[in-house]
PDB file of all heavy atoms in Angstrom:
ATOM      1  N   VAL A   1      -8.591  35.738  18.956  1.00  0.00           N
ATOM      2  CA  VAL A   1      -8.155  35.281  17.586  1.00  0.00           C
ATOM      3  C   VAL A   1      -6.657  35.433  17.490  1.00  0.00           C
ATOM      4  O   VAL A   1      -6.098  36.513  17.500  1.00  0.00           O
ATOM      5  CB  VAL A   1      -8.855  36.100  16.472  1.00  0.00           C
ATOM      6  CG1 VAL A   1      -8.419  35.639  15.146  1.00  0.00           C
ATOM      7  CG2 VAL A   1     -10.364  36.066  16.659  1.00  0.00           C
ATOM      8  N   PRO A   2      -5.904  34.282  17.430  1.00  0.00           N
ATOM      9  CA  PRO A   2      -4.416  34.360  17.526  1.00  0.00           C
ATOM     10  C   PRO A   2      -3.802  34.787  16.173  1.00  0.00           C
ATOM     11  O   PRO A   2      -4.447  34.638  15.095  1.00  0.00           O
ATOM     12  CB  PRO A   2      -4.041  32.921  17.784  1.00  0.00           C
ATOM     13  CG  PRO A   2      -5.114  32.109  17.212  1.00  0.00           C
ATOM     14  CD  PRO A   2      -6.419  32.894  17.368  1.00  0.00           C
ATOM     15  N   SER A   3      -2.665  35.367  16.300  1.00  0.00           N
ATOM     16  CA  SER A   3      -1.849  35.591  15.131  1.00  0.00           C
ATOM     17  C   SER A   3      -1.133  34.408  14.687  1.00  0.00           C
ATOM     18  O   SER A   3      -1.016  33.404  15.466  1.00  0.00           O
ATOM     19  CB  SER A   3      -0.841  36.759  15.408  1.00  0.00           C
ATOM     20  OG  SER A   3       0.099  36.254  16.311  1.00  0.00           O
ATOM     21  N   VAL A   4      -0.543  34.436  13.513  1.00  0.00           N
ATOM     22  CA  VAL A   4       0.384  33.283  13.045  1.00  0.00           C
ATOM     23  C   VAL A   4       1.398  33.112  14.031  1.00  0.00           C
ATOM     24  O   VAL A   4       1.785  31.911  14.382  1.00  0.00           O
ATOM     25  CB  VAL A   4       0.844  33.521  11.641  1.00  0.00           C
ATOM     26  CG1 VAL A   4       1.786  32.457  11.265  1.00  0.00           C
ATOM     27  CG2 VAL A   4      -0.335  33.626  10.667  1.00  0.00           C
ATOM     28  N   SER A   5       2.022  34.171  14.565  1.00  0.00           N
ATOM     29  CA  SER A   5       3.103  34.043  15.563  1.00  0.00           C
ATOM     30  C   SER A   5       2.584  33.364  16.853  1.00  0.00           C
ATOM     31  O   SER A   5       3.286  32.584  17.433  1.00  0.00           O
ATOM     32  CB  SER A   5       3.668  35.399  15.830  1.00  0.00           C
ATOM     33  OG  SER A   5       4.300  35.930  14.712  1.00  0.00           O
ATOM     34  N   ASP A   6       1.409  33.713  17.244  1.00  0.00           N
ATOM     35  CA  ASP A   6       0.844  33.036  18.452  1.00  0.00           C
ATOM     36  C   ASP A   6       0.700  31.508  18.224  1.00  0.00           C
ATOM     37  O   ASP A   6       1.048  30.779  19.071  1.00  0.00           O
ATOM     38  CB  ASP A   6      -0.603  33.594  18.780  1.00  0.00           C
ATOM     39  CG  ASP A   6      -0.540  35.084  19.188  1.00  0.00           C
ATOM     40  OD1 ASP A   6       0.412  35.546  19.828  1.00  0.00           O
ATOM     41  OD2 ASP A   6      -1.579  35.740  18.982  1.00  0.00           O
ATOM     42  N   VAL A   7       0.182  31.176  17.065  1.00  0.00           N
ATOM     43  CA  VAL A   7       0.025  29.799  16.752  1.00  0.00           C
ATOM     44  C   VAL A   7       1.370  29.097  16.728  1.00  0.00           C
ATOM     45  O   VAL A   7       1.505  27.989  17.287  1.00  0.00           O
ATOM     46  CB  VAL A   7      -0.742  29.632  15.357  1.00  0.00           C
ATOM     47  CG1 VAL A   7      -0.681  28.178  14.871  1.00  0.00           C
ATOM     48  CG2 VAL A   7      -2.136  30.124  15.506  1.00  0.00           C
ATOM     49  N   ALA A   8       2.335  29.685  16.079  1.00  0.00           N
ATOM     50  CA  ALA A   8       3.709  29.122  16.064  1.00  0.00           C
ATOM     51  C   ALA A   8       4.217  28.861  17.466  1.00  0.00           C
ATOM     52  O   ALA A   8       4.788  27.852  17.739  1.00  0.00           O
ATOM     53  CB  ALA A   8       4.622  29.972  15.266  1.00  0.00           C
ATOM     54  N   ALA A   9       4.015  29.810  18.349  1.00  0.00           N
ATOM     55  CA  ALA A   9       4.455  29.641  19.756  1.00  0.00           C
ATOM     56  C   ALA A   9       3.770  28.510  20.466  1.00  0.00           C
ATOM     57  O   ALA A   9       4.405  27.694  21.156  1.00  0.00           O
ATOM     58  CB  ALA A   9       4.260  30.974  20.440  1.00  0.00           C
ATOM     59  N   HIS A  10       2.458  28.371  20.296  1.00  0.00           N
ATOM     60  CA  HIS A  10       1.728  27.294  20.876  1.00  0.00           C
ATOM     61  C   HIS A  10       2.230  25.938  20.440  1.00  0.00           C
ATOM     62  O   HIS A  10       2.335  24.974  21.193  1.00  0.00           O
ATOM     63  CB  HIS A  10       0.255  27.417  20.601  1.00  0.00           C
ATOM     64  CG  HIS A  10      -0.488  28.460  21.425  1.00  0.00           C
ATOM     65  ND1 HIS A  10      -0.502  28.444  22.812  1.00  0.00           N
ATOM     66  CD2 HIS A  10      -1.155  29.580  21.025  1.00  0.00           C
ATOM     67  CE1 HIS A  10      -1.202  29.501  23.182  1.00  0.00           C
ATOM     68  NE2 HIS A  10      -1.632  30.162  22.185  1.00  0.00           N
ATOM     69  N   LEU A  11       2.537  25.871  19.147  1.00  0.00           N
ATOM     70  CA  LEU A  11       2.857  24.575  18.548  1.00  0.00           C
ATOM     71  C   LEU A  11       4.354  24.349  18.528  1.00  0.00           C
ATOM     72  O   LEU A  11       4.829  23.287  18.033  1.00  0.00           O
ATOM     73  CB  LEU A  11       2.340  24.574  17.100  1.00  0.00           C
ATOM     74  CG  LEU A  11       0.799  24.607  16.948  1.00  0.00           C
ATOM     75  CD1 LEU A  11       0.366  24.633  15.492  1.00  0.00           C
ATOM     76  CD2 LEU A  11       0.108  23.539  17.765  1.00  0.00           C
ATOM     77  N   LEU A  12       5.156  25.274  19.099  1.00  0.00           N
ATOM     78  CA  LEU A  12       6.596  25.138  19.119  1.00  0.00           C
ATOM     79  C   LEU A  12       7.158  24.973  17.727  1.00  0.00           C
ATOM     80  O   LEU A  12       8.037  24.093  17.431  1.00  0.00           O
ATOM     81  CB  LEU A  12       7.072  23.975  20.015  1.00  0.00           C
ATOM     82  CG  LEU A  12       6.578  24.046  21.477  1.00  0.00           C
ATOM     83  CD1 LEU A  12       6.997  22.815  22.189  1.00  0.00           C
ATOM     84  CD2 LEU A  12       7.053  25.322  22.133  1.00  0.00           C
ATOM     85  N   LEU A  13       6.654  25.810  16.766  1.00  0.00           N
ATOM     86  CA  LEU A  13       7.096  25.776  15.386  1.00  0.00           C
ATOM     87  C   LEU A  13       7.762  27.122  15.036  1.00  0.00           C
ATOM     88  O   LEU A  13       7.470  28.143  15.621  1.00  0.00           O
ATOM     89  CB  LEU A  13       5.913  25.532  14.462  1.00  0.00           C
ATOM     90  CG  LEU A  13       5.160  24.264  14.510  1.00  0.00           C
ATOM     91  CD1 LEU A  13       3.922  24.286  13.610  1.00  0.00           C
ATOM     92  CD2 LEU A  13       6.052  23.059  14.109  1.00  0.00           C
ATOM     93  N   ARG A  14       8.598  27.057  14.032  1.00  0.00           N
ATOM     94  CA  ARG A  14       9.064  28.248  13.401  1.00  0.00           C
ATOM     95  C   ARG A  14       7.895  28.891  12.624  1.00  0.00           C
ATOM     96  O   ARG A  14       7.003  28.212  12.113  1.00  0.00           O
ATOM     97  CB  ARG A  14      10.256  28.010  12.502  1.00  0.00           C
ATOM     98  CG  ARG A  14      11.394  27.513  13.299  1.00  0.00           C
ATOM     99  CD  ARG A  14      12.648  27.343  12.422  1.00  0.00           C
ATOM    100  NE  ARG A  14      13.764  26.884  13.224  1.00  0.00           N
ATOM    101  CZ  ARG A  14      14.941  26.787  12.813  1.00  0.00           C
ATOM    102  NH1 ARG A  14      15.226  27.107  11.528  1.00  0.00           N
ATOM    103  NH2 ARG A  14      15.873  26.337  13.576  1.00  0.00           N
ATOM    104  N   HIS A  15       8.021  30.176  12.482  1.00  0.00           N
ATOM    105  CA  HIS A  15       6.924  30.957  11.778  1.00  0.00           C
ATOM    106  C   HIS A  15       6.569  30.338  10.401  1.00  0.00           C
ATOM    107  O   HIS A  15       5.396  30.112  10.147  1.00  0.00           O
ATOM    108  CB  HIS A  15       7.364  32.406  11.646  1.00  0.00           C
ATOM    109  CG  HIS A  15       6.161  33.293  11.210  1.00  0.00           C
ATOM    110  ND1 HIS A  15       5.934  33.545   9.810  1.00  0.00           N
ATOM    111  CD2 HIS A  15       5.275  33.980  11.856  1.00  0.00           C
ATOM    112  CE1 HIS A  15       4.884  34.283   9.675  1.00  0.00           C
ATOM    113  NE2 HIS A  15       4.516  34.605  10.919  1.00  0.00           N
ATOM    114  N   HIS A  16       7.564  30.064   9.561  1.00  0.00           N
ATOM    115  CA  HIS A  16       7.282  29.561   8.291  1.00  0.00           C
ATOM    116  C   HIS A  16       6.687  28.190   8.284  1.00  0.00           C
ATOM    117  O   HIS A  16       5.836  27.854   7.433  1.00  0.00           O
ATOM    118  CB  HIS A  16       8.532  29.556   7.352  1.00  0.00           C
ATOM    119  CG  HIS A  16       9.633  28.580   7.749  1.00  0.00           C
ATOM    120  ND1 HIS A  16      10.550  28.779   8.716  1.00  0.00           N
ATOM    121  CD2 HIS A  16       9.826  27.342   7.245  1.00  0.00           C
ATOM    122  CE1 HIS A  16      11.283  27.706   8.838  1.00  0.00           C
ATOM    123  NE2 HIS A  16      10.873  26.812   7.974  1.00  0.00           N
ATOM    124  N   SER A  17       7.021  27.380   9.322  1.00  0.00           N
ATOM    125  CA  SER A  17       6.369  26.029   9.395  1.00  0.00           C
ATOM    126  C   SER A  17       4.902  26.205   9.782  1.00  0.00           C
ATOM    127  O   SER A  17       4.050  25.443   9.315  1.00  0.00           O
ATOM    128  CB  SER A  17       7.070  25.213  10.461  1.00  0.00           C
ATOM    129  OG  SER A  17       8.408  24.959  10.007  1.00  0.00           O
ATOM    130  N   ALA A  18       4.625  27.092  10.697  1.00  0.00           N
ATOM    131  CA  ALA A  18       3.205  27.416  11.014  1.00  0.00           C
ATOM    132  C   ALA A  18       2.426  27.900   9.853  1.00  0.00           C
ATOM    133  O   ALA A  18       1.265  27.532   9.628  1.00  0.00           O
ATOM    134  CB  ALA A  18       3.189  28.412  12.196  1.00  0.00           C
ATOM    135  N   VAL A  19       3.056  28.780   9.005  1.00  0.00           N
ATOM    136  CA  VAL A  19       2.362  29.237   7.824  1.00  0.00           C
ATOM    137  C   VAL A  19       1.989  28.079   6.885  1.00  0.00           C
ATOM    138  O   VAL A  19       0.893  28.037   6.350  1.00  0.00           O
ATOM    139  CB  VAL A  19       3.281  30.328   7.106  1.00  0.00           C
ATOM    140  CG1 VAL A  19       2.738  30.622   5.690  1.00  0.00           C
ATOM    141  CG2 VAL A  19       3.331  31.600   7.914  1.00  0.00           C
ATOM    142  N   GLU A  20       2.937  27.163   6.712  1.00  0.00           N
ATOM    143  CA  GLU A  20       2.643  26.011   5.859  1.00  0.00           C
ATOM    144  C   GLU A  20       1.533  25.120   6.407  1.00  0.00           C
ATOM    145  O   GLU A  20       0.691  24.642   5.650  1.00  0.00           O
ATOM    146  CB  GLU A  20       3.941  25.144   5.726  1.00  0.00           C
ATOM    147  CG  GLU A  20       5.009  25.827   4.887  1.00  0.00           C
ATOM    148  CD  GLU A  20       6.383  25.103   4.973  1.00  0.00           C
ATOM    149  OE1 GLU A  20       6.437  23.991   5.512  1.00  0.00           O
ATOM    150  OE2 GLU A  20       7.343  25.635   4.365  1.00  0.00           O
ATOM    151  N   LEU A  21       1.501  24.973   7.715  1.00  0.00           N
ATOM    152  CA  LEU A  21       0.392  24.180   8.306  1.00  0.00           C
ATOM    153  C   LEU A  21      -0.911  24.889   8.173  1.00  0.00           C
ATOM    154  O   LEU A  21      -1.921  24.255   7.849  1.00  0.00           O
ATOM    155  CB  LEU A  21       0.747  23.989   9.841  1.00  0.00           C
ATOM    156  CG  LEU A  21      -0.352  23.246  10.626  1.00  0.00           C
ATOM    157  CD1 LEU A  21      -0.607  21.836  10.112  1.00  0.00           C
ATOM    158  CD2 LEU A  21       0.156  23.125  12.107  1.00  0.00           C
ATOM    159  N   ILE A  22      -0.891  26.193   8.353  1.00  0.00           N
ATOM    160  CA  ILE A  22      -2.111  27.027   8.157  1.00  0.00           C
ATOM    161  C   ILE A  22      -2.590  26.960   6.661  1.00  0.00           C
ATOM    162  O   ILE A  22      -3.777  26.830   6.398  1.00  0.00           O
ATOM    163  CB  ILE A  22      -1.894  28.414   8.619  1.00  0.00           C
ATOM    164  CG1 ILE A  22      -1.716  28.456  10.174  1.00  0.00           C
ATOM    165  CG2 ILE A  22      -3.045  29.382   8.204  1.00  0.00           C
ATOM    166  CD1 ILE A  22      -1.175  29.737  10.738  1.00  0.00           C
ATOM    167  N   ASP A  23      -1.598  26.990   5.763  1.00  0.00           N
ATOM    168  CA  ASP A  23      -1.921  26.883   4.362  1.00  0.00           C
ATOM    169  C   ASP A  23      -2.752  25.613   4.119  1.00  0.00           C
ATOM    170  O   ASP A  23      -3.779  25.589   3.437  1.00  0.00           O
ATOM    171  CB  ASP A  23      -0.675  26.851   3.507  1.00  0.00           C
ATOM    172  CG  ASP A  23      -0.034  28.225   3.332  1.00  0.00           C
ATOM    173  OD1 ASP A  23      -0.674  29.241   3.668  1.00  0.00           O
ATOM    174  OD2 ASP A  23       1.094  28.268   2.867  1.00  0.00           O
ATOM    175  N   ARG A  24      -2.189  24.495   4.582  1.00  0.00           N
ATOM    176  CA  ARG A  24      -2.826  23.177   4.413  1.00  0.00           C
ATOM    177  C   ARG A  24      -4.201  23.124   5.069  1.00  0.00           C
ATOM    178  O   ARG A  24      -5.157  22.629   4.446  1.00  0.00           O
ATOM    179  CB  ARG A  24      -1.944  21.973   4.897  1.00  0.00           C
ATOM    180  CG  ARG A  24      -0.722  21.812   4.013  1.00  0.00           C
ATOM    181  CD  ARG A  24       0.047  20.575   4.383  1.00  0.00           C
ATOM    182  NE  ARG A  24       0.522  20.530   5.730  1.00  0.00           N
ATOM    183  CZ  ARG A  24       1.671  21.109   6.178  1.00  0.00           C
ATOM    184  NH1 ARG A  24       2.430  21.745   5.369  1.00  0.00           N
ATOM    185  NH2 ARG A  24       2.027  20.952   7.490  1.00  0.00           N
ATOM    186  N   ALA A  25      -4.358  23.659   6.263  1.00  0.00           N
ATOM    187  CA  ALA A  25      -5.639  23.664   6.943  1.00  0.00           C
ATOM    188  C   ALA A  25      -6.653  24.583   6.174  1.00  0.00           C
ATOM    189  O   ALA A  25      -7.834  24.332   6.218  1.00  0.00           O
ATOM    190  CB  ALA A  25      -5.465  24.107   8.384  1.00  0.00           C
ATOM    191  N   GLU A  26      -6.135  25.666   5.649  1.00  0.00           N
ATOM    192  CA  GLU A  26      -6.980  26.571   4.891  1.00  0.00           C
ATOM    193  C   GLU A  26      -7.518  25.929   3.623  1.00  0.00           C
ATOM    194  O   GLU A  26      -8.729  26.019   3.303  1.00  0.00           O
ATOM    195  CB  GLU A  26      -6.225  27.872   4.575  1.00  0.00           C
ATOM    196  CG  GLU A  26      -7.145  28.989   4.099  1.00  0.00           C
ATOM    197  CD  GLU A  26      -6.352  30.253   3.971  1.00  0.00           C
ATOM    198  OE1 GLU A  26      -5.192  30.281   3.550  1.00  0.00           O
ATOM    199  OE2 GLU A  26      -6.981  31.354   4.260  1.00  0.00           O
TER     200      GLU A  26
END
């Protein structure tokens, strides 16, 4: 189960951009 930081690294995104993407997916 990845952290938000793990997800950001996989997607080559900044942390806050990953958070926004996760917000929309949630």
